[in-house]
C-alpha cells in the first residue's frame, strides 16, 4: 500500500517536471532559431504532446520488465 501512495504522488510530479523540462528545451531552441519543436507541436505544456511511443513508453516498460 505504501508503494501505491508513493507512485500516486511520484508519477504526477515526475510527469509535470518532464513536461516543463521538455517545453523549456523547445522554447529556448525556438528563441535561438530552431523551429523543430514548434513544427512538431511540442511548444505546449500538454504532456501528451511530449510522449514518444518508443523512448517514453516502450523503453521504460522494457526496463521495468527486465528487472
PDB file of N, CA and C in Angstrom:
ATOM      1  N   UNK A   1       0.822  -1.198   0.000  1.00  0.00           N
ATOM      2  CA  UNK A   1       0.000   0.000   0.000  1.00  0.00           C
ATOM      3  C   UNK A   1       0.869   1.266   0.000  1.00  0.00           C
ATOM      4  N   UNK A   2       1.996   1.186   0.693  1.00  0.00           N
ATOM      5  CA  UNK A   2       2.878   2.347   0.751  1.00  0.00           C
ATOM      6  C   UNK A   2       3.441   2.649  -0.647  1.00  0.00           C
ATOM      7  N   UNK A   3       3.720   1.605  -1.422  1.00  0.00           N
ATOM      8  CA  UNK A   3       4.220   1.800  -2.785  1.00  0.00           C
ATOM      9  C   UNK A   3       3.172   2.493  -3.653  1.00  0.00           C
ATOM     10  N   UNK A   4       1.906   2.157  -3.449  1.00  0.00           N
ATOM     11  CA  UNK A   4       0.828   2.793  -4.203  1.00  0.00           C
ATOM     12  C   UNK A   4       0.806   4.296  -3.939  1.00  0.00           C
ATOM     13  N   UNK A   5       0.908   4.688  -2.677  1.00  0.00           N
ATOM     14  CA  UNK A   5       0.903   6.114  -2.343  1.00  0.00           C
ATOM     15  C   UNK A   5       2.129   6.816  -2.924  1.00  0.00           C
ATOM     16  N   UNK A   6       3.264   6.135  -2.876  1.00  0.00           N
ATOM     17  CA  UNK A   6       4.471   6.706  -3.462  1.00  0.00           C
ATOM     18  C   UNK A   6       4.267   6.967  -4.954  1.00  0.00           C
ATOM     19  N   UNK A   7       3.751   5.967  -5.673  1.00  0.00           N
ATOM     20  CA  UNK A   7       3.526   6.124  -7.105  1.00  0.00           C
ATOM     21  C   UNK A   7       2.446   7.159  -7.398  1.00  0.00           C
ATOM     22  N   UNK A   8       1.424   7.225  -6.555  1.00  0.00           N
ATOM     23  CA  UNK A   8       0.340   8.192  -6.754  1.00  0.00           C
ATOM     24  C   UNK A   8       0.851   9.629  -6.621  1.00  0.00           C
ATOM     25  N   UNK A   9       1.895   9.825  -5.857  1.00  0.00           N
ATOM     26  CA  UNK A   9       2.484  11.160  -5.704  1.00  0.00           C
ATOM     27  C   UNK A   9       3.615  11.360  -6.713  1.00  0.00           C
ATOM     28  N   UNK A  10       4.443  10.339  -6.894  1.00  0.00           N
ATOM     29  CA  UNK A  10       5.631  10.461  -7.737  1.00  0.00           C
ATOM     30  C   UNK A  10       5.295  10.658  -9.215  1.00  0.00           C
ATOM     31  N   UNK A  11       4.387   9.862  -9.748  1.00  0.00           N
ATOM     32  CA  UNK A  11       4.114   9.892 -11.189  1.00  0.00           C
ATOM     33  C   UNK A  11       3.601  11.262 -11.651  1.00  0.00           C
ATOM     34  N   UNK A  12       2.610  11.883 -10.998  1.00  0.00           N
ATOM     35  CA  UNK A  12       2.180  13.216 -11.468  1.00  0.00           C
ATOM     36  C   UNK A  12       3.268  14.281 -11.353  1.00  0.00           C
ATOM     37  N   UNK A  13       4.051  14.234 -10.285  1.00  0.00           N
ATOM     38  CA  UNK A  13       5.129  15.216 -10.119  1.00  0.00           C
ATOM     39  C   UNK A  13       6.193  15.000 -11.187  1.00  0.00           C
ATOM     40  N   UNK A  14       6.559  13.755 -11.424  1.00  0.00           N
ATOM     41  CA  UNK A  14       7.551  13.433 -12.447  1.00  0.00           C
ATOM     42  C   UNK A  14       7.056  13.847 -13.828  1.00  0.00           C
ATOM     43  N   UNK A  15       5.803  13.568 -14.132  1.00  0.00           N
ATOM     44  CA  UNK A  15       5.222  13.924 -15.421  1.00  0.00           C
ATOM     45  C   UNK A  15       5.223  15.441 -15.625  1.00  0.00           C
ATOM     46  N   UNK A  16       4.866  16.186 -14.595  1.00  0.00           N
ATOM     47  CA  UNK A  16       4.879  17.650 -14.686  1.00  0.00           C
ATOM     48  C   UNK A  16       6.302  18.167 -14.888  1.00  0.00           C
ATOM     49  N   UNK A  17       7.256  17.605 -14.157  1.00  0.00           N
ATOM     50  CA  UNK A  17       8.646  18.058 -14.271  1.00  0.00           C
ATOM     51  C   UNK A  17       9.204  17.787 -15.661  1.00  0.00           C
ATOM     52  N   UNK A  18       8.951  16.603 -16.197  1.00  0.00           N
ATOM     53  CA  UNK A  18       9.457  16.273 -17.531  1.00  0.00           C
ATOM     54  C   UNK A  18       8.796  17.153 -18.589  1.00  0.00           C
ATOM     55  N   UNK A  19       7.506  17.407 -18.440  1.00  0.00           N
ATOM     56  CA  UNK A  19       6.794  18.246 -19.403  1.00  0.00           C
ATOM     57  C   UNK A  19       7.354  19.665 -19.413  1.00  0.00           C
ATOM     58  N   UNK A  20       7.540  20.246 -18.248  1.00  0.00           N
ATOM     59  CA  UNK A  20       8.097  21.600 -18.158  1.00  0.00           C
ATOM     60  C   UNK A  20       9.523  21.627 -18.701  1.00  0.00           C
ATOM     61  N   UNK A  21      10.294  20.596 -18.399  1.00  0.00           N
ATOM     62  CA  UNK A  21      11.677  20.492 -18.872  1.00  0.00           C
ATOM     63  C   UNK A  21      11.724  20.467 -20.404  1.00  0.00           C
ATOM     64  N   UNK A  22      10.911  19.612 -21.006  1.00  0.00           N
ATOM     65  CA  UNK A  22      10.909  19.495 -22.466  1.00  0.00           C
ATOM     66  C   UNK A  22      10.348  20.747 -23.138  1.00  0.00           C
ATOM     67  N   UNK A  23       9.328  21.346 -22.549  1.00  0.00           N
ATOM     68  CA  UNK A  23       8.791  22.605 -23.065  1.00  0.00           C
ATOM     69  C   UNK A  23       9.875  23.679 -23.058  1.00  0.00           C
ATOM     70  N   UNK A  24      10.644  23.730 -21.989  1.00  0.00           N
ATOM     71  CA  UNK A  24      11.714  24.723 -21.873  1.00  0.00           C
ATOM     72  C   UNK A  24      12.780  24.515 -22.935  1.00  0.00           C
ATOM     73  N   UNK A  25      13.143  23.245 -23.189  1.00  0.00           N
ATOM     74  CA  UNK A  25      14.099  22.962 -24.261  1.00  0.00           C
ATOM     75  C   UNK A  25      13.583  23.496 -25.597  1.00  0.00           C
ATOM     76  N   UNK A  26      12.342  23.204 -25.890  1.00  0.00           N
ATOM     77  CA  UNK A  26      11.754  23.642 -27.153  1.00  0.00           C
ATOM     78  C   UNK A  26      11.675  25.144 -27.265  1.00  0.00           C
ATOM     79  N   UNK A  27      11.326  25.815 -26.169  1.00  0.00           N
ATOM     80  CA  UNK A  27      11.196  27.270 -26.174  1.00  0.00           C
ATOM     81  C   UNK A  27      12.547  27.950 -26.395  1.00  0.00           C
ATOM     82  N   UNK A  28      13.567  27.473 -25.705  1.00  0.00           N
ATOM     83  CA  UNK A  28      14.906  28.049 -25.881  1.00  0.00           C
ATOM     84  C   UNK A  28      15.389  27.810 -27.308  1.00  0.00           C
ATOM     85  N   UNK A  29      15.179  26.601 -27.819  1.00  0.00           N
ATOM     86  CA  UNK A  29      15.594  26.313 -29.192  1.00  0.00           C
ATOM     87  C   UNK A  29      14.856  27.220 -30.178  1.00  0.00           C
ATOM     88  N   UNK A  30      13.571  27.443 -29.941  1.00  0.00           N
ATOM     89  CA  UNK A  30      12.788  28.320 -30.817  1.00  0.00           C
ATOM     90  C   UNK A  30      13.326  29.751 -30.778  1.00  0.00           C
ATOM     91  N   UNK A  31      13.641  30.234 -29.582  1.00  0.00           N
ATOM     92  CA  UNK A  31      14.197  31.585 -29.462  1.00  0.00           C
ATOM     93  C   UNK A  31      15.555  31.703 -30.162  1.00  0.00           C
ATOM     94  N   UNK A  32      16.270  30.588 -30.241  1.00  0.00           N
ATOM     95  CA  UNK A  32      17.583  30.595 -30.889  1.00  0.00           C
ATOM     96  C   UNK A  32      17.515  30.256 -32.376  1.00  0.00           C
ATOM     97  N   UNK A  33      16.289  30.140 -32.912  1.00  0.00           N
ATOM     98  CA  UNK A  33      16.135  29.969 -34.346  1.00  0.00           C
ATOM     99  C   UNK A  33      15.771  28.584 -34.832  1.00  0.00           C
ATOM    100  N   UNK A  34      15.626  27.617 -33.951  1.00  0.00           N
ATOM    101  CA  UNK A  34      15.267  26.256 -34.363  1.00  0.00           C
ATOM    102  C   UNK A  34      13.766  26.067 -34.181  1.00  0.00           C
ATOM    103  N   UNK A  35      13.051  25.900 -35.263  1.00  0.00           N
ATOM    104  CA  UNK A  35      11.589  25.808 -35.181  1.00  0.00           C
ATOM    105  C   UNK A  35      11.078  24.365 -35.145  1.00  0.00           C
ATOM    106  N   UNK A  36      11.944  23.399 -34.940  1.00  0.00           N
ATOM    107  CA  UNK A  36      11.546  21.985 -34.951  1.00  0.00           C
ATOM    108  C   UNK A  36      10.480  21.687 -33.905  1.00  0.00           C
ATOM    109  N   UNK A  37      10.668  22.146 -32.689  1.00  0.00           N
ATOM    110  CA  UNK A  37       9.701  21.865 -31.627  1.00  0.00           C
ATOM    111  C   UNK A  37       8.339  22.474 -31.950  1.00  0.00           C
ATOM    112  N   UNK A  38       8.342  23.654 -32.501  1.00  0.00           N
ATOM    113  CA  UNK A  38       7.069  24.288 -32.868  1.00  0.00           C
ATOM    114  C   UNK A  38       6.390  23.533 -34.008  1.00  0.00           C
ATOM    115  N   UNK A  39       7.170  23.120 -34.988  1.00  0.00           N
ATOM    116  CA  UNK A  39       6.618  22.373 -36.118  1.00  0.00           C
ATOM    117  C   UNK A  39       6.029  21.038 -35.689  1.00  0.00           C
ATOM    118  N   UNK A  40       6.597  20.428 -34.659  1.00  0.00           N
ATOM    119  CA  UNK A  40       6.097  19.142 -34.164  1.00  0.00           C
ATOM    120  C   UNK A  40       5.034  19.301 -33.083  1.00  0.00           C
ATOM    121  N   UNK A  41       4.663  20.536 -32.774  1.00  0.00           N
ATOM    122  CA  UNK A  41       3.610  20.793 -31.797  1.00  0.00           C
ATOM    123  C   UNK A  41       4.014  20.574 -30.363  1.00  0.00           C
ATOM    124  N   UNK A  42       5.297  20.719 -30.054  1.00  0.00           N
ATOM    125  CA  UNK A  42       5.782  20.454 -28.699  1.00  0.00           C
ATOM    126  C   UNK A  42       6.012  21.714 -27.870  1.00  0.00           C
ATOM    127  N   UNK A  43       5.616  22.856 -28.386  1.00  0.00           N
ATOM    128  CA  UNK A  43       5.687  24.068 -27.575  1.00  0.00           C
ATOM    129  C   UNK A  43       4.372  24.222 -26.822  1.00  0.00           C
ATOM    130  N   UNK A  44       4.116  23.289 -25.963  1.00  0.00           N
ATOM    131  CA  UNK A  44       2.900  23.264 -25.164  1.00  0.00           C
ATOM    132  C   UNK A  44       3.196  22.578 -23.839  1.00  0.00           C
ATOM    133  N   UNK A  45       2.371  22.841 -22.862  1.00  0.00           N
ATOM    134  CA  UNK A  45       2.523  22.170 -21.568  1.00  0.00           C
ATOM    135  C   UNK A  45       1.630  20.928 -21.471  1.00  0.00           C
ATOM    136  N   UNK A  46       1.075  20.511 -22.595  1.00  0.00           N
ATOM    137  CA  UNK A  46       0.295  19.286 -22.643  1.00  0.00           C
ATOM    138  C   UNK A  46       1.259  18.094 -22.650  1.00  0.00           C
ATOM    139  N   UNK A  47       1.272  17.277 -21.604  1.00  0.00           N
ATOM    140  CA  UNK A  47       2.251  16.185 -21.540  1.00  0.00           C
ATOM    141  C   UNK A  47       2.086  15.153 -22.651  1.00  0.00           C
ATOM    142  N   UNK A  48       0.906  15.005 -23.196  1.00  0.00           N
ATOM    143  CA  UNK A  48       0.689  14.014 -24.253  1.00  0.00           C
ATOM    144  C   UNK A  48       1.436  14.373 -25.532  1.00  0.00           C
ATOM    145  N   UNK A  49       1.661  15.658 -25.760  1.00  0.00           N
ATOM    146  CA  UNK A  49       2.383  16.095 -26.957  1.00  0.00           C
ATOM    147  C   UNK A  49       3.877  15.773 -26.873  1.00  0.00           C
ATOM    148  N   UNK A  50       4.371  15.499 -25.672  1.00  0.00           N
ATOM    149  CA  UNK A  50       5.791  15.227 -25.477  1.00  0.00           C
ATOM    150  C   UNK A  50       6.097  13.736 -25.421  1.00  0.00           C
ATOM    151  N   UNK A  51       5.068  12.904 -25.509  1.00  0.00           N
ATOM    152  CA  UNK A  51       5.279  11.459 -25.459  1.00  0.00           C
ATOM    153  C   UNK A  51       5.769  10.939 -26.802  1.00  0.00           C
ATOM    154  N   UNK A  52       6.766  10.100 -26.737  1.00  0.00           N
ATOM    155  CA  UNK A  52       7.271   9.404 -27.908  1.00  0.00           C
ATOM    156  C   UNK A  52       7.020   7.918 -27.659  1.00  0.00           C
ATOM    157  N   UNK A  53       6.332   7.231 -28.557  1.00  0.00           N
ATOM    158  CA  UNK A  53       5.949   5.843 -28.287  1.00  0.00           C
ATOM    159  C   UNK A  53       7.124   4.929 -27.949  1.00  0.00           C
ATOM    160  N   UNK A  54       8.260   5.127 -28.585  1.00  0.00           N
ATOM    161  CA  UNK A  54       9.389   4.238 -28.332  1.00  0.00           C
ATOM    162  C   UNK A  54      10.146   4.615 -27.065  1.00  0.00           C
ATOM    163  N   UNK A  55      10.636   5.836 -26.995  1.00  0.00           N
ATOM    164  CA  UNK A  55      11.541   6.213 -25.903  1.00  0.00           C
ATOM    165  C   UNK A  55      10.821   6.564 -24.607  1.00  0.00           C
ATOM    166  N   UNK A  56       9.607   7.048 -24.679  1.00  0.00           N
ATOM    167  CA  UNK A  56       8.908   7.458 -23.465  1.00  0.00           C
ATOM    168  C   UNK A  56       8.044   6.353 -22.891  1.00  0.00           C
ATOM    169  N   UNK A  57       7.587   5.448 -23.724  1.00  0.00           N
ATOM    170  CA  UNK A  57       6.671   4.406 -23.260  1.00  0.00           C
ATOM    171  C   UNK A  57       7.328   3.027 -23.282  1.00  0.00           C
ATOM    172  N   UNK A  58       7.786   2.582 -24.446  1.00  0.00           N
ATOM    173  CA  UNK A  58       8.280   1.219 -24.593  1.00  0.00           C
ATOM    174  C   UNK A  58       9.565   0.956 -23.801  1.00  0.00           C
ATOM    175  N   UNK A  59      10.517   1.867 -23.863  1.00  0.00           N
ATOM    176  CA  UNK A  59      11.788   1.644 -23.169  1.00  0.00           C
ATOM    177  C   UNK A  59      11.613   1.527 -21.658  1.00  0.00           C
ATOM    178  N   UNK A  60      10.902   2.439 -20.988  1.00  0.00           N
ATOM    179  CA  UNK A  60      10.712   2.257 -19.537  1.00  0.00           C
ATOM    180  C   UNK A  60       9.974   0.956 -19.190  1.00  0.00           C
ATOM    181  N   UNK A  61       8.981   0.596 -19.996  1.00  0.00           N
ATOM    182  CA  UNK A  61       8.262  -0.651 -19.736  1.00  0.00           C
ATOM    183  C   UNK A  61       9.209  -1.841 -19.853  1.00  0.00           C
ATOM    184  N   UNK A  62      10.058  -1.847 -20.877  1.00  0.00           N
ATOM    185  CA  UNK A  62      11.027  -2.929 -21.023  1.00  0.00           C
ATOM    186  C   UNK A  62      12.036  -2.964 -19.879  1.00  0.00           C
ATOM    187  N   UNK A  63      12.474  -1.807 -19.441  1.00  0.00           N
ATOM    188  CA  UNK A  63      13.438  -1.764 -18.335  1.00  0.00           C
ATOM    189  C   UNK A  63      12.831  -2.259 -17.037  1.00  0.00           C
ATOM    190  N   UNK A  64      11.586  -1.893 -16.773  1.00  0.00           N
ATOM    191  CA  UNK A  64      10.907  -2.373 -15.564  1.00  0.00           C
ATOM    192  C   UNK A  64      10.686  -3.878 -15.661  1.00  0.00           C
ATOM    193  N   UNK A  65      10.300  -4.353 -16.833  1.00  0.00           N
ATOM    194  CA  UNK A  65      10.063  -5.791 -17.018  1.00  0.00           C
ATOM    195  C   UNK A  65      11.363  -6.585 -16.882  1.00  0.00           C
ATOM    196  N   UNK A  66      12.482  -5.993 -17.279  1.00  0.00           N
ATOM    197  CA  UNK A  66      13.764  -6.685 -17.196  1.00  0.00           C
ATOM    198  C   UNK A  66      14.276  -6.784 -15.760  1.00  0.00           C
ATOM    199  N   UNK A  67      13.731  -5.946 -14.914  1.00  0.00           N
ATOM    200  CA  UNK A  67      14.082  -6.069 -13.505  1.00  0.00           C
ATOM    201  C   UNK A  67      15.027  -5.052 -13.040  1.00  0.00           C
TER     202      UNK A  67
END
